[in-house]
Amino acid sequence: MITLGSKGSVILTNKNKLFVSALEKVNVVDTTGGGDAFIAGFLYGYLNNQSLRDSAEIGTALSSFIIEKVGCLTNIPSKYDLLVRKEKIGELYNNDTANIILRAYQ
């Protein structure tokens, strides 16, 4: 897994290369804990039998909440708010963007 900040993330496996877009229009205040939140969200999804893409979208959504406030634990969302934002990320998936970014990892 490679995080790309405001560009999103790439998940590389032996069989797949997946791109997950970052959420647009996030008011970044403090990036402290953003990467840890991404990993925590990803692991939550993965350990609850979600696909790699869904797990990365959960990680991206959780990270987007954390970086909107000062401190790494001041903006933890409810599960509902997290899943609403996760759905927005899933809607951002764009094959053209994915293909451009994934070319760098061929």
N, C-alpha and C. Protein backbone atom coordinates (compact mmCIF):
# COMPACT_ATOMS: atom_id res chain seq x y z
N MET A 1 0.84 -1.16 0.00
CA MET A 1 0.00 0.00 0.00
C MET A 1 0.90 1.23 0.00
N ILE A 2 0.53 2.18 -0.85
CA ILE A 2 1.27 3.43 -0.95
C ILE A 2 0.27 4.57 -0.81
N THR A 3 0.50 5.44 0.16
CA THR A 3 -0.37 6.60 0.28
C THR A 3 0.27 7.75 -0.48
N LEU A 4 -0.58 8.54 -1.14
CA LEU A 4 -0.12 9.61 -2.00
C LEU A 4 -0.66 10.97 -1.57
N GLY A 5 -0.99 11.10 -0.29
CA GLY A 5 -1.49 12.37 0.22
C GLY A 5 -2.78 12.79 -0.46
N SER A 6 -2.80 13.99 -0.98
CA SER A 6 -4.01 14.52 -1.59
C SER A 6 -4.39 13.85 -2.90
N LYS A 7 -3.52 12.97 -3.43
CA LYS A 7 -3.84 12.25 -4.66
C LYS A 7 -4.56 10.94 -4.41
N GLY A 8 -4.48 10.40 -3.17
CA GLY A 8 -5.15 9.15 -2.87
C GLY A 8 -4.17 8.09 -2.41
N SER A 9 -4.44 6.85 -2.80
CA SER A 9 -3.57 5.74 -2.42
C SER A 9 -3.60 4.67 -3.50
N VAL A 10 -2.57 3.85 -3.49
CA VAL A 10 -2.44 2.74 -4.41
C VAL A 10 -2.22 1.48 -3.58
N ILE A 11 -2.94 0.43 -3.93
CA ILE A 11 -2.77 -0.86 -3.28
C ILE A 11 -2.25 -1.83 -4.32
N LEU A 12 -1.11 -2.40 -4.03
CA LEU A 12 -0.47 -3.33 -4.95
C LEU A 12 -0.49 -4.73 -4.34
N THR A 13 -0.99 -5.69 -5.10
CA THR A 13 -0.94 -7.09 -4.69
C THR A 13 -0.26 -7.87 -5.82
N ASN A 14 -0.11 -9.15 -5.64
CA ASN A 14 0.48 -9.96 -6.71
C ASN A 14 -0.39 -9.96 -7.96
N LYS A 15 -1.70 -9.77 -7.79
CA LYS A 15 -2.63 -9.86 -8.91
C LYS A 15 -3.26 -8.53 -9.31
N ASN A 16 -3.29 -7.55 -8.41
CA ASN A 16 -4.04 -6.32 -8.67
C ASN A 16 -3.25 -5.07 -8.33
N LYS A 17 -3.64 -4.00 -9.00
CA LYS A 17 -3.20 -2.66 -8.67
C LYS A 17 -4.47 -1.83 -8.56
N LEU A 18 -4.74 -1.31 -7.37
CA LEU A 18 -5.96 -0.54 -7.15
C LEU A 18 -5.61 0.89 -6.78
N PHE A 19 -6.39 1.82 -7.30
CA PHE A 19 -6.24 3.23 -6.95
C PHE A 19 -7.49 3.67 -6.21
N VAL A 20 -7.30 4.39 -5.11
CA VAL A 20 -8.41 4.98 -4.37
C VAL A 20 -8.15 6.47 -4.28
N SER A 21 -9.09 7.24 -4.74
CA SER A 21 -8.96 8.70 -4.76
C SER A 21 -9.04 9.28 -3.35
N ALA A 22 -8.36 10.38 -3.15
CA ALA A 22 -8.53 11.14 -1.91
C ALA A 22 -9.85 11.90 -2.00
N LEU A 23 -10.39 12.25 -0.86
CA LEU A 23 -11.62 13.03 -0.83
C LEU A 23 -11.32 14.46 -1.23
N GLU A 24 -12.15 15.01 -2.08
CA GLU A 24 -11.97 16.39 -2.51
C GLU A 24 -12.50 17.35 -1.44
N LYS A 25 -11.97 18.55 -1.44
CA LYS A 25 -12.46 19.63 -0.58
C LYS A 25 -12.37 19.31 0.91
N VAL A 26 -11.26 18.76 1.33
CA VAL A 26 -11.02 18.56 2.75
C VAL A 26 -10.27 19.78 3.26
N ASN A 27 -10.74 20.35 4.34
CA ASN A 27 -10.08 21.50 4.94
C ASN A 27 -8.95 21.01 5.85
N VAL A 28 -7.76 20.90 5.30
CA VAL A 28 -6.63 20.36 6.05
C VAL A 28 -6.14 21.38 7.07
N VAL A 29 -6.18 20.98 8.34
CA VAL A 29 -5.73 21.84 9.43
C VAL A 29 -4.44 21.30 10.04
N ASP A 30 -4.37 19.99 10.24
CA ASP A 30 -3.21 19.37 10.89
C ASP A 30 -3.12 17.93 10.39
N THR A 31 -2.02 17.58 9.77
CA THR A 31 -1.88 16.23 9.21
C THR A 31 -1.41 15.20 10.24
N THR A 32 -1.19 15.63 11.47
CA THR A 32 -0.75 14.71 12.52
C THR A 32 -1.76 13.58 12.67
N GLY A 33 -1.30 12.36 12.54
CA GLY A 33 -2.17 11.20 12.72
C GLY A 33 -2.92 10.78 11.47
N GLY A 34 -2.77 11.52 10.38
CA GLY A 34 -3.50 11.18 9.15
C GLY A 34 -3.13 9.81 8.61
N GLY A 35 -1.86 9.50 8.57
CA GLY A 35 -1.42 8.19 8.07
C GLY A 35 -1.83 7.07 8.99
N ASP A 36 -1.72 7.31 10.29
CA ASP A 36 -2.15 6.29 11.27
C ASP A 36 -3.64 6.03 11.15
N ALA A 37 -4.41 7.09 10.93
CA ALA A 37 -5.86 6.94 10.78
C ALA A 37 -6.18 6.15 9.51
N PHE A 38 -5.43 6.41 8.45
CA PHE A 38 -5.64 5.66 7.21
C PHE A 38 -5.44 4.17 7.47
N ILE A 39 -4.32 3.83 8.10
CA ILE A 39 -4.02 2.42 8.37
C ILE A 39 -5.08 1.82 9.30
N ALA A 40 -5.49 2.56 10.32
CA ALA A 40 -6.50 2.05 11.25
C ALA A 40 -7.81 1.77 10.52
N GLY A 41 -8.24 2.70 9.66
CA GLY A 41 -9.46 2.50 8.89
C GLY A 41 -9.35 1.34 7.91
N PHE A 42 -8.19 1.25 7.26
CA PHE A 42 -7.96 0.15 6.33
C PHE A 42 -8.05 -1.19 7.07
N LEU A 43 -7.37 -1.29 8.19
CA LEU A 43 -7.38 -2.55 8.95
C LEU A 43 -8.77 -2.87 9.48
N TYR A 44 -9.51 -1.86 9.89
CA TYR A 44 -10.89 -2.09 10.35
C TYR A 44 -11.69 -2.74 9.22
N GLY A 45 -11.60 -2.18 8.03
CA GLY A 45 -12.34 -2.74 6.90
C GLY A 45 -11.85 -4.14 6.55
N TYR A 46 -10.55 -4.30 6.45
CA TYR A 46 -9.98 -5.58 6.06
C TYR A 46 -10.33 -6.68 7.06
N LEU A 47 -10.23 -6.38 8.35
CA LEU A 47 -10.52 -7.38 9.38
C LEU A 47 -12.01 -7.66 9.52
N ASN A 48 -12.84 -6.81 8.88
CA ASN A 48 -14.28 -7.04 8.85
C ASN A 48 -14.72 -7.51 7.47
N ASN A 49 -13.81 -8.18 6.77
CA ASN A 49 -14.09 -8.85 5.51
C ASN A 49 -14.52 -7.93 4.37
N GLN A 50 -14.05 -6.69 4.39
CA GLN A 50 -14.31 -5.78 3.28
C GLN A 50 -13.25 -6.02 2.20
N SER A 51 -13.55 -5.63 0.98
CA SER A 51 -12.58 -5.75 -0.11
C SER A 51 -11.41 -4.79 0.16
N LEU A 52 -10.33 -4.99 -0.59
CA LEU A 52 -9.20 -4.08 -0.46
C LEU A 52 -9.61 -2.65 -0.79
N ARG A 53 -10.40 -2.48 -1.86
CA ARG A 53 -10.86 -1.14 -2.23
C ARG A 53 -11.72 -0.52 -1.13
N ASP A 54 -12.69 -1.27 -0.63
CA ASP A 54 -13.55 -0.73 0.43
C ASP A 54 -12.74 -0.42 1.69
N SER A 55 -11.78 -1.27 2.01
CA SER A 55 -10.94 -1.03 3.18
C SER A 55 -10.13 0.25 3.01
N ALA A 56 -9.58 0.46 1.82
CA ALA A 56 -8.82 1.69 1.56
C ALA A 56 -9.73 2.91 1.57
N GLU A 57 -10.96 2.77 1.10
CA GLU A 57 -11.90 3.89 1.14
C GLU A 57 -12.25 4.24 2.59
N ILE A 58 -12.40 3.25 3.44
CA ILE A 58 -12.66 3.50 4.87
C ILE A 58 -11.45 4.21 5.47
N GLY A 59 -10.25 3.74 5.15
CA GLY A 59 -9.05 4.40 5.65
C GLY A 59 -8.94 5.83 5.19
N THR A 60 -9.25 6.06 3.94
CA THR A 60 -9.20 7.41 3.38
C THR A 60 -10.23 8.31 4.07
N ALA A 61 -11.42 7.79 4.28
CA ALA A 61 -12.47 8.57 4.94
C ALA A 61 -12.07 8.92 6.36
N LEU A 62 -11.57 7.94 7.12
CA LEU A 62 -11.17 8.21 8.50
C LEU A 62 -10.05 9.24 8.54
N SER A 63 -9.08 9.08 7.68
CA SER A 63 -7.97 10.03 7.63
C SER A 63 -8.45 11.44 7.32
N SER A 64 -9.44 11.57 6.44
CA SER A 64 -9.93 12.90 6.07
C SER A 64 -10.57 13.61 7.26
N PHE A 65 -11.21 12.87 8.14
CA PHE A 65 -11.76 13.49 9.35
C PHE A 65 -10.65 13.98 10.27
N ILE A 66 -9.64 13.14 10.46
CA ILE A 66 -8.58 13.42 11.42
C ILE A 66 -7.81 14.68 11.05
N ILE A 67 -7.53 14.88 9.77
CA ILE A 67 -6.72 16.02 9.36
C ILE A 67 -7.49 17.34 9.32
N GLU A 68 -8.78 17.30 9.60
CA GLU A 68 -9.58 18.53 9.58
C GLU A 68 -9.54 19.30 10.90
N LYS A 69 -8.94 18.72 11.93
CA LYS A 69 -8.84 19.39 13.24
C LYS A 69 -7.42 19.27 13.76
N VAL A 70 -7.06 20.11 14.72
CA VAL A 70 -5.75 20.02 15.37
C VAL A 70 -5.75 18.83 16.32
N GLY A 71 -4.71 18.03 16.24
CA GLY A 71 -4.58 16.85 17.10
C GLY A 71 -5.14 15.62 16.41
N CYS A 72 -4.60 14.47 16.79
CA CYS A 72 -4.96 13.25 16.07
C CYS A 72 -6.20 12.55 16.60
N LEU A 73 -6.78 13.01 17.69
CA LEU A 73 -7.97 12.35 18.23
C LEU A 73 -9.13 13.30 18.47
N THR A 74 -9.07 14.48 17.90
CA THR A 74 -10.10 15.48 18.18
C THR A 74 -11.28 15.46 17.23
N ASN A 75 -11.21 14.68 16.16
CA ASN A 75 -12.30 14.69 15.18
C ASN A 75 -12.65 13.28 14.73
N ILE A 76 -12.73 12.36 15.68
CA ILE A 76 -13.08 10.98 15.35
C ILE A 76 -14.57 10.93 15.02
N PRO A 77 -14.91 10.43 13.84
CA PRO A 77 -16.32 10.44 13.42
C PRO A 77 -17.11 9.28 14.01
N SER A 78 -18.42 9.41 13.95
CA SER A 78 -19.28 8.27 14.26
C SER A 78 -19.17 7.28 13.10
N LYS A 79 -19.58 6.06 13.33
CA LYS A 79 -19.53 5.06 12.26
C LYS A 79 -20.39 5.51 11.08
N TYR A 80 -21.54 6.08 11.36
CA TYR A 80 -22.43 6.55 10.30
C TYR A 80 -21.74 7.62 9.45
N ASP A 81 -21.16 8.65 10.10
CA ASP A 81 -20.49 9.71 9.36
C ASP A 81 -19.31 9.18 8.55
N LEU A 82 -18.59 8.22 9.14
CA LEU A 82 -17.47 7.60 8.43
C LEU A 82 -17.95 6.91 7.16
N LEU A 83 -19.02 6.15 7.26
CA LEU A 83 -19.51 5.41 6.09
C LEU A 83 -20.12 6.33 5.03
N VAL A 84 -20.74 7.43 5.46
CA VAL A 84 -21.25 8.41 4.49
C VAL A 84 -20.10 8.99 3.69
N ARG A 85 -19.03 9.35 4.37
CA ARG A 85 -17.88 9.92 3.67
C ARG A 85 -17.19 8.87 2.80
N LYS A 86 -17.15 7.64 3.26
CA LYS A 86 -16.57 6.54 2.48
C LYS A 86 -17.29 6.39 1.15
N GLU A 87 -18.61 6.51 1.18
CA GLU A 87 -19.39 6.40 -0.06
C GLU A 87 -19.04 7.52 -1.03
N LYS A 88 -18.78 8.71 -0.52
CA LYS A 88 -18.38 9.82 -1.39
C LYS A 88 -17.06 9.52 -2.09
N ILE A 89 -16.15 8.89 -1.36
CA ILE A 89 -14.86 8.54 -1.94
C ILE A 89 -15.05 7.51 -3.05
N GLY A 90 -15.90 6.53 -2.81
CA GLY A 90 -16.18 5.51 -3.82
C GLY A 90 -16.75 6.11 -5.08
N GLU A 91 -17.53 7.17 -4.95
CA GLU A 91 -18.12 7.83 -6.11
C GLU A 91 -17.08 8.61 -6.91
N LEU A 92 -15.93 8.92 -6.31
CA LEU A 92 -14.90 9.70 -6.99
C LEU A 92 -14.02 8.86 -7.91
N TYR A 93 -14.17 7.54 -7.84
CA TYR A 93 -13.29 6.68 -8.62
C TYR A 93 -13.40 7.02 -10.09
N ASN A 94 -12.26 7.20 -10.70
CA ASN A 94 -12.20 7.62 -12.10
C ASN A 94 -11.15 6.77 -12.80
N ASN A 95 -11.55 6.00 -13.77
CA ASN A 95 -10.60 5.11 -14.45
C ASN A 95 -9.44 5.86 -15.08
N ASP A 96 -9.69 7.04 -15.66
CA ASP A 96 -8.61 7.80 -16.28
C ASP A 96 -7.58 8.21 -15.24
N THR A 97 -8.03 8.74 -14.12
CA THR A 97 -7.10 9.12 -13.05
C THR A 97 -6.38 7.90 -12.53
N ALA A 98 -7.10 6.83 -12.30
CA ALA A 98 -6.49 5.61 -11.79
C ALA A 98 -5.41 5.11 -12.74
N ASN A 99 -5.70 5.09 -14.02
CA ASN A 99 -4.73 4.58 -15.00
C ASN A 99 -3.48 5.46 -15.05
N ILE A 100 -3.64 6.75 -14.96
CA ILE A 100 -2.49 7.65 -14.98
C ILE A 100 -1.59 7.39 -13.78
N ILE A 101 -2.18 7.30 -12.60
CA ILE A 101 -1.41 7.08 -11.38
C ILE A 101 -0.82 5.68 -11.35
N LEU A 102 -1.59 4.68 -11.75
CA LEU A 102 -1.10 3.31 -11.69
C LEU A 102 0.05 3.04 -12.68
N ARG A 103 0.13 3.82 -13.75
CA ARG A 103 1.23 3.65 -14.70
C ARG A 103 2.59 3.80 -14.02
N ALA A 104 2.64 4.63 -13.00
CA ALA A 104 3.90 4.85 -12.28
C ALA A 104 4.33 3.60 -11.50
N TYR A 105 3.41 2.66 -11.29
CA TYR A 105 3.71 1.46 -10.49
C TYR A 105 3.72 0.19 -11.31
N GLN A 106 3.91 0.30 -12.61
CA GLN A 106 3.95 -0.89 -13.47
C GLN A 106 5.29 -1.55 -13.39
